[in-house]
N, C-alpha and C. Protein backbone atom coordinates (compact mmCIF):
# COMPACT_ATOMS: atom_id res chain seq x y z
N MET A 1 0.36 -0.91 -0.84
CA MET A 1 0.10 -0.14 -0.13
C MET A 1 0.81 1.47 0.00
N ARG A 2 0.36 2.36 -0.77
CA ARG A 2 1.59 3.48 -0.95
C ARG A 2 -0.16 4.76 -0.47
N GLU A 3 0.20 5.45 -0.09
CA GLU A 3 -0.86 6.97 0.04
C GLU A 3 0.89 8.20 -1.03
N VAL A 4 -0.28 8.69 -1.42
CA VAL A 4 0.70 10.18 -1.28
C VAL A 4 -0.06 11.45 -1.71
N PHE A 5 0.25 11.94 -0.44
CA PHE A 5 -0.54 13.41 -0.17
C PHE A 5 0.57 14.60 -0.11
N GLU A 6 -0.72 15.62 -0.23
CA GLU A 6 0.49 16.94 0.42
C GLU A 6 0.09 17.50 1.84
N ARG A 7 1.63 18.22 2.30
CA ARG A 7 1.13 18.63 3.80
C ARG A 7 1.52 19.74 4.13
N ASP A 8 1.74 20.59 5.47
CA ASP A 8 2.93 22.11 5.22
C ASP A 8 3.58 21.37 6.24
N VAL A 9 4.59 21.79 6.37
CA VAL A 9 5.02 21.79 8.05
C VAL A 9 4.85 22.80 8.44
N ILE A 10 5.29 23.26 9.04
CA ILE A 10 4.97 24.59 10.30
C ILE A 10 6.37 25.04 10.98
N GLY A 11 6.96 25.73 10.89
CA GLY A 11 7.84 26.30 11.83
C GLY A 11 9.00 27.97 12.25
N SER A 12 8.48 28.26 13.57
CA SER A 12 9.57 29.35 13.59
C SER A 12 8.72 30.91 12.41
N GLY A 13 7.44 30.40 12.01
CA GLY A 13 6.62 31.47 11.67
C GLY A 13 6.17 31.43 9.79
N ALA A 14 7.58 29.72 9.61
CA ALA A 14 6.52 30.09 8.90
C ALA A 14 6.10 28.60 8.01
N ARG A 15 6.75 29.05 6.60
CA ARG A 15 5.43 27.60 6.04
C ARG A 15 5.55 27.09 5.05
N ARG A 16 5.91 26.22 5.21
CA ARG A 16 6.69 25.01 4.00
C ARG A 16 5.47 23.66 3.20
N THR A 17 5.02 23.73 1.97
CA THR A 17 4.40 22.36 1.23
C THR A 17 5.45 21.23 1.28
N VAL A 18 5.23 20.29 2.16
CA VAL A 18 5.96 19.60 1.31
C VAL A 18 4.76 17.72 0.96
N LEU A 19 5.81 17.32 -0.31
CA LEU A 19 5.10 16.09 -0.33
C LEU A 19 5.37 14.81 0.49
N VAL A 20 4.53 14.28 1.59
CA VAL A 20 4.68 13.12 2.60
C VAL A 20 3.92 11.73 1.23
N THR A 21 4.83 11.12 1.63
CA THR A 21 4.47 9.26 1.24
C THR A 21 4.28 8.42 2.68
N HIS A 22 3.07 7.86 2.54
CA HIS A 22 3.61 6.70 3.62
C HIS A 22 2.89 5.56 2.82
N GLU A 23 3.84 4.89 3.18
CA GLU A 23 4.06 3.39 2.39
C GLU A 23 4.48 2.31 3.41
N VAL A 24 3.34 0.63 3.50
CA VAL A 24 3.50 -0.77 3.86
C VAL A 24 4.20 -1.38 3.14
N THR A 25 5.94 -1.62 4.20
CA THR A 25 6.35 -2.64 3.07
C THR A 25 6.11 -3.90 4.58
N GLY A 26 5.17 -5.36 3.95
CA GLY A 26 5.42 -6.17 4.91
C GLY A 26 5.02 -5.63 6.32
N ALA A 27 5.37 -5.89 7.02
CA ALA A 27 5.30 -5.07 8.67
C ALA A 27 6.00 -4.15 8.53
N ASP A 28 6.30 -3.94 7.94
CA ASP A 28 7.36 -2.25 7.76
C ASP A 28 6.38 -0.60 6.74
N HIS A 29 5.75 -0.06 8.05
CA HIS A 29 5.45 1.26 8.04
C HIS A 29 6.94 2.67 6.96
N VAL A 30 7.12 2.71 6.03
CA VAL A 30 7.88 3.67 6.24
C VAL A 30 7.62 5.38 5.15
N ILE A 31 7.91 6.41 6.60
CA ILE A 31 7.00 7.66 5.93
C ILE A 31 7.93 8.44 5.49
N GLU A 32 7.61 9.45 4.29
CA GLU A 32 9.28 10.33 4.33
C GLU A 32 8.50 11.74 3.75
N VAL A 33 9.81 12.74 4.24
CA VAL A 33 8.54 14.00 3.87
C VAL A 33 9.86 14.65 2.45
N ARG A 34 8.89 15.12 1.43
CA ARG A 34 10.43 16.33 1.13
C ARG A 34 10.02 17.31 1.39
N SER A 35 10.73 18.74 0.56
CA SER A 35 10.20 19.53 -0.02
C SER A 35 11.44 20.19 -1.09
N ASP A 36 11.15 21.10 -1.79
CA ASP A 36 11.87 21.30 -2.62
C ASP A 36 14.02 21.00 -1.63
N GLN A 37 13.65 21.35 -0.31
CA GLN A 37 15.24 21.67 -0.31
C GLN A 37 15.40 20.24 0.52
N GLU A 38 14.89 19.97 1.30
CA GLU A 38 15.17 18.58 1.92
C GLU A 38 14.29 17.57 1.90
N GLN A 39 14.72 16.36 3.13
CA GLN A 39 13.87 15.06 2.60
C GLN A 39 14.53 14.83 4.23
N TRP A 40 13.09 14.28 4.55
CA TRP A 40 13.03 13.36 5.97
C TRP A 40 12.00 12.10 6.09
N ARG A 41 12.65 10.63 6.68
CA ARG A 41 12.48 10.03 6.47
C ARG A 41 12.14 9.13 7.81
N GLY A 42 10.89 8.71 7.90
CA GLY A 42 11.09 8.07 9.68
C GLY A 42 10.01 6.29 8.92
N HIS A 43 10.45 5.20 10.30
CA HIS A 43 10.14 3.42 9.32
C HIS A 43 9.58 3.60 10.70
N GLY A 44 8.25 2.63 11.34
CA GLY A 44 8.10 1.57 12.70
C GLY A 44 7.00 0.70 12.59
N PRO A 45 6.35 0.07 13.13
CA PRO A 45 6.12 -0.75 13.09
C PRO A 45 4.68 -0.55 12.26
N ASP A 46 3.66 0.60 12.35
CA ASP A 46 2.73 1.11 12.31
C ASP A 46 2.87 2.52 11.58
N ALA A 47 1.52 2.82 11.74
CA ALA A 47 1.58 4.24 10.58
C ALA A 47 1.98 5.36 11.69
N PHE A 48 1.63 5.17 13.16
CA PHE A 48 1.93 6.24 14.68
C PHE A 48 3.21 6.46 14.70
N ALA A 49 3.49 5.12 14.90
CA ALA A 49 5.53 4.90 15.19
C ALA A 49 6.36 6.12 13.56
N ALA A 50 5.42 5.38 12.93
CA ALA A 50 7.03 5.85 11.76
C ALA A 50 6.01 7.30 11.47
N LEU A 51 5.60 7.87 11.97
CA LEU A 51 5.27 9.56 11.89
C LEU A 51 5.83 9.58 13.48
N GLU A 52 5.42 9.37 14.23
CA GLU A 52 6.96 10.06 15.36
C GLU A 52 8.16 9.89 14.82
N ASP A 53 8.49 9.16 14.80
CA ASP A 53 10.35 9.15 13.94
C ASP A 53 10.49 9.96 13.01
N VAL A 54 9.60 10.24 11.73
CA VAL A 54 9.91 11.34 10.94
C VAL A 54 9.59 12.70 11.56
N ARG A 55 8.79 12.91 12.63
CA ARG A 55 8.23 14.29 13.03
C ARG A 55 9.50 14.39 14.44
N ARG A 56 10.14 13.35 14.34
CA ARG A 56 11.51 13.36 15.56
C ARG A 56 12.95 14.72 14.36
N ALA A 57 12.36 14.02 13.18
CA ALA A 57 13.51 14.35 11.79
C ALA A 57 13.61 16.07 11.60
N LEU A 58 11.94 15.78 11.61
CA LEU A 58 11.70 17.34 11.51
C LEU A 58 11.76 17.81 12.63
N GLU A 59 11.22 18.02 14.00
CA GLU A 59 11.75 18.43 14.47
C GLU A 59 13.18 19.34 14.73
N ALA A 60 14.27 18.38 14.27
CA ALA A 60 15.73 18.76 14.38
C ALA A 60 16.02 19.88 13.20
N SER A 61 15.39 19.86 12.56
CA SER A 61 14.61 21.66 11.37
C SER A 61 14.08 22.14 11.54
N GLY A 62 13.31 21.91 13.27
CA GLY A 62 12.42 23.13 12.98
C GLY A 62 10.82 23.27 12.30
N TRP A 63 11.03 21.89 12.22
CA TRP A 63 9.82 21.67 10.60
C TRP A 63 8.52 21.30 12.92
N LEU A 64 7.52 21.68 12.40
CA LEU A 64 6.03 20.78 12.51
C LEU A 64 5.02 20.15 11.45
N LEU A 65 4.76 19.28 11.22
CA LEU A 65 4.12 18.98 10.49
C LEU A 65 2.61 19.18 10.61
N ALA A 66 1.93 19.64 9.71
CA ALA A 66 0.44 20.12 10.74
C ALA A 66 -0.25 19.10 9.58
N VAL A 67 -0.45 18.07 10.51
CA VAL A 67 -1.48 16.32 10.43
C VAL A 67 -2.06 15.81 12.11
N GLU A 68 -3.29 15.81 11.83
CA GLU A 68 -3.59 15.11 12.63
C GLU A 68 -2.90 14.07 13.99
N GLY A 69 -2.09 13.16 13.28
CA GLY A 69 -1.26 12.55 14.98
C GLY A 69 -0.14 13.56 14.92
N ALA A 70 0.05 14.62 14.96
CA ALA A 70 1.16 15.59 15.57
C ALA A 70 0.43 16.83 16.46
N ARG A 71 -0.75 16.43 16.72
CA ARG A 71 -1.12 17.42 17.27
C ARG A 71 -0.84 16.13 19.30
N ALA A 72 -1.49 17.77 20.36
CA ALA A 72 -0.90 17.16 21.48
C ALA A 72 -1.36 16.19 22.46
N ASP A 73 -2.80 16.39 22.14
CA ASP A 73 -3.89 15.57 22.76
C ASP A 73 -4.11 14.58 21.77
N ALA A 74 -3.81 13.95 20.34
CA ALA A 74 -3.70 13.27 19.77
C ALA A 74 -2.60 12.30 20.48
N VAL A 75 -4.05 10.42 20.35
CA VAL A 75 -3.80 8.93 21.49
C VAL A 75 -3.82 8.18 20.53
N VAL A 76 -3.31 7.71 20.52
CA VAL A 76 -3.14 5.90 19.51
C VAL A 76 -3.35 4.88 20.32
N SER A 77 -4.48 3.78 20.60
CA SER A 77 -4.61 3.05 21.40
C SER A 77 -3.58 1.83 20.51
N ARG A 78 -3.90 1.00 21.81
CA ARG A 78 -3.05 -0.22 21.56
C ARG A 78 -4.00 -1.09 20.36
N MET A 79 -5.46 -1.09 20.93
CA MET A 79 -6.15 -2.05 19.97
C MET A 79 -6.21 -1.27 18.61
N GLY A 80 -5.93 0.24 18.63
CA GLY A 80 -6.29 0.80 16.95
C GLY A 80 -4.55 0.25 16.41
N ARG A 81 -3.71 0.35 17.16
CA ARG A 81 -2.75 0.04 16.26
C ARG A 81 -3.11 -0.89 15.91
N GLN A 82 -3.49 -2.09 15.99
CA GLN A 82 -3.76 -3.46 16.37
C GLN A 82 -4.99 -3.51 14.74
N MET A 83 -5.55 -2.47 14.79
CA MET A 83 -7.02 -2.96 14.03
C MET A 83 -6.70 -1.87 13.06
N SER A 84 -5.94 -0.39 12.95
CA SER A 84 -5.61 0.55 12.51
C SER A 84 -4.82 0.71 11.79
N GLY A 85 -3.54 -0.42 11.92
CA GLY A 85 -1.82 -0.50 11.76
C GLY A 85 -2.12 1.00 12.76
N GLY A 86 -2.52 1.81 13.58
CA GLY A 86 -2.20 2.60 13.67
C GLY A 86 -1.99 3.57 13.00
N SER A 87 -2.87 4.16 11.94
CA SER A 87 -2.93 5.31 10.99
C SER A 87 -4.74 6.07 12.14
N GLN A 88 -4.96 6.01 12.86
CA GLN A 88 -6.84 6.20 13.43
C GLN A 88 -5.64 6.84 14.89
N VAL A 89 -6.06 7.65 15.26
CA VAL A 89 -6.38 8.76 16.96
C VAL A 89 -7.19 8.94 17.14
N TYR A 90 -7.30 9.29 18.32
CA TYR A 90 -8.02 10.09 19.20
C TYR A 90 -7.59 10.83 20.02
N ARG A 91 -8.73 12.39 19.85
CA ARG A 91 -8.51 13.59 20.12
C ARG A 91 -9.04 13.52 21.44
N VAL A 92 -8.05 13.79 22.56
CA VAL A 92 -8.73 13.35 24.38
C VAL A 92 -8.95 14.44 25.30
N ARG A 93 -9.14 14.52 25.82
CA ARG A 93 -9.36 15.57 26.84
C ARG A 93 -9.00 15.15 28.70
N THR A 94 -8.22 15.86 29.40
CA THR A 94 -8.37 15.32 30.76
C THR A 94 -8.70 15.22 31.24
N GLY A 95 -9.10 14.10 31.88
CA GLY A 95 -10.60 13.65 32.72
C GLY A 95 -11.43 12.85 32.00
N VAL A 96 -11.34 12.78 30.28
CA VAL A 96 -12.05 11.65 30.00
C VAL A 96 -11.92 10.86 29.22
N PRO A 97 -12.88 10.04 29.25
CA PRO A 97 -11.50 8.52 28.24
C PRO A 97 -11.83 9.10 26.87
N ALA A 98 -11.82 8.05 26.68
CA ALA A 98 -11.14 8.10 24.30
C ALA A 98 -12.20 8.04 24.21
N ASP A 99 -13.19 8.86 22.95
CA ASP A 99 -14.60 7.67 22.62
C ASP A 99 -14.19 8.53 21.26
N PHE A 100 -15.40 8.25 20.39
CA PHE A 100 -15.24 7.96 18.45
C PHE A 100 -15.95 9.09 18.53
N PRO A 101 -15.70 10.69 17.80
CA PRO A 101 -15.21 9.89 16.85
C PRO A 101 -13.29 9.79 16.71
N THR A 102 -13.32 8.84 15.44
CA THR A 102 -11.66 8.86 15.89
C THR A 102 -10.86 9.67 14.45
N ARG A 103 -9.40 10.08 14.01
CA ARG A 103 -9.41 10.93 13.30
C ARG A 103 -7.64 10.31 12.94
N ASP A 104 -8.14 10.01 11.18
CA ASP A 104 -6.91 9.85 10.21
C ASP A 104 -5.57 10.61 10.61
N VAL A 105 -4.03 9.49 11.07
CA VAL A 105 -3.26 10.43 11.46
C VAL A 105 -3.10 11.25 10.79
N PHE A 106 -3.15 11.31 9.33
CA PHE A 106 -2.75 12.34 8.56
C PHE A 106 -3.33 13.06 7.86
N ASP A 107 -4.97 13.25 8.19
CA ASP A 107 -5.67 14.40 8.38
C ASP A 107 -4.85 15.60 8.30
N VAL A 108 -5.69 17.42 7.48
CA VAL A 108 -4.78 18.13 7.29
C VAL A 108 -5.43 18.70 9.28
N ASN A 109 -3.96 19.96 9.56
CA ASN A 109 -4.71 20.00 10.93
C ASN A 109 -3.05 20.79 11.47
N GLU A 110 -3.86 22.29 11.99
CA GLU A 110 -2.93 23.08 11.69
C GLU A 110 -3.07 23.61 13.79
N GLU A 111 -3.74 23.43 14.45
CA GLU A 111 -4.48 23.52 15.46
C GLU A 111 -3.38 22.57 16.47
N GLY A 112 -3.04 23.52 17.27
CA GLY A 112 -2.58 21.91 18.99
C GLY A 112 -1.67 21.32 18.59
N LEU A 113 -0.18 21.77 17.39
CA LEU A 113 0.63 21.06 16.75
C LEU A 113 1.63 21.23 17.79
N ALA A 114 1.93 19.66 18.36
CA ALA A 114 3.72 19.66 19.21
C ALA A 114 4.27 18.48 19.43
N THR A 115 5.37 19.03 19.74
CA THR A 115 6.98 17.78 19.13
C THR A 115 6.44 16.65 20.11
N VAL A 116 7.34 16.25 19.66
CA VAL A 116 7.23 14.36 19.77
C VAL A 116 7.29 14.14 21.52
N ALA A 117 7.45 15.09 21.78
CA ALA A 117 7.62 15.34 23.46
C ALA A 117 7.40 15.13 24.27
N GLU A 118 6.87 16.65 23.77
CA GLU A 118 5.42 17.58 24.02
C GLU A 118 4.18 16.41 24.05
N GLN A 119 3.77 15.62 23.00
CA GLN A 119 3.27 15.04 22.53
C GLN A 119 2.86 13.51 24.01
N ARG A 120 3.80 12.89 23.77
CA ARG A 120 3.68 12.15 25.37
C ARG A 120 4.07 12.44 26.43
N ALA A 121 4.01 13.42 26.65
CA ALA A 121 3.93 13.92 28.45
C ALA A 121 2.98 13.56 28.42
N ALA A 122 2.13 14.55 27.20
CA ALA A 122 0.65 15.22 27.75
C ALA A 122 -0.67 13.62 26.81
N THR A 123 -0.24 12.78 26.84
CA THR A 123 -0.41 11.26 26.29
C THR A 123 -0.20 10.30 28.12
N ASP A 124 0.87 10.96 28.12
CA ASP A 124 1.27 10.18 30.13
C ASP A 124 -0.28 11.02 31.61
N ALA A 125 -0.01 13.12 31.25
CA ALA A 125 -0.86 13.58 31.53
C ALA A 125 -2.40 13.23 31.52
N TRP A 126 -2.72 12.46 30.88
CA TRP A 126 -4.38 12.43 30.21
C TRP A 126 -4.21 10.91 31.29
N PHE A 127 -3.42 9.34 30.39
CA PHE A 127 -3.44 9.15 31.96
C PHE A 127 -3.76 8.60 32.72
N ALA A 128 -2.63 9.81 33.47
CA ALA A 128 -2.85 9.99 35.28
C ALA A 128 -4.04 10.53 35.67
N SER A 129 -5.12 11.20 34.31
CA SER A 129 -6.21 11.57 34.82
C SER A 129 -7.24 10.82 35.66
N LEU A 130 -7.42 9.17 34.04
CA LEU A 130 -7.59 8.35 34.34
C LEU A 130 -7.91 8.01 35.02
N GLY A 131 -6.27 8.52 36.13
CA GLY A 131 -6.14 7.42 37.03
C GLY A 131 -5.57 6.19 36.30
N ARG A 132 -4.97 6.12 35.78
CA ARG A 132 -4.31 4.55 34.44
C ARG A 132 -2.51 5.61 34.71
N PRO A 133 -1.41 4.35 34.57
CA PRO A 133 -0.18 4.25 34.34
C PRO A 133 0.36 5.15 33.10
C-alpha cells in the first residue's frame, strides 16, 4: 500500500508545503517527507510510530508536520495500532476517556501541534487523569 499527499510543515513563523509518502511493506511502515530543499524519513511497526520517527527528524530541522497525528491531544490506542495499523487517533481531554470519532493521523490539522516529547507528556498526563499508569 502506498499513499501520497501534500501537507504543510510549520516552524519559526514559516510554512512550507511538502510531499508526504506513506508506504507499507510487510510489517514496516515508512513515511517520507520531501520539500524542494530537504527530505526526511521515518520507519516504524505502524503508521503512528513511523509518524513519530519522521516528526523527530522534522523537529531537528525546526519543523512541525501539520497533521492530526501531531496534535498534543492525539492518542493512538493499543487496539487501534492493531486494527488500523496505527492510522487512527483519538482527540482526548483531561479526565475524559477516549471516545469516537477517530481521525486519520494524516488528516490536515494546524491546531494544537506539538513535538513528539510534548505529545508523549500530554498522553502520560491524560492517562494519569484517568487513574491509569
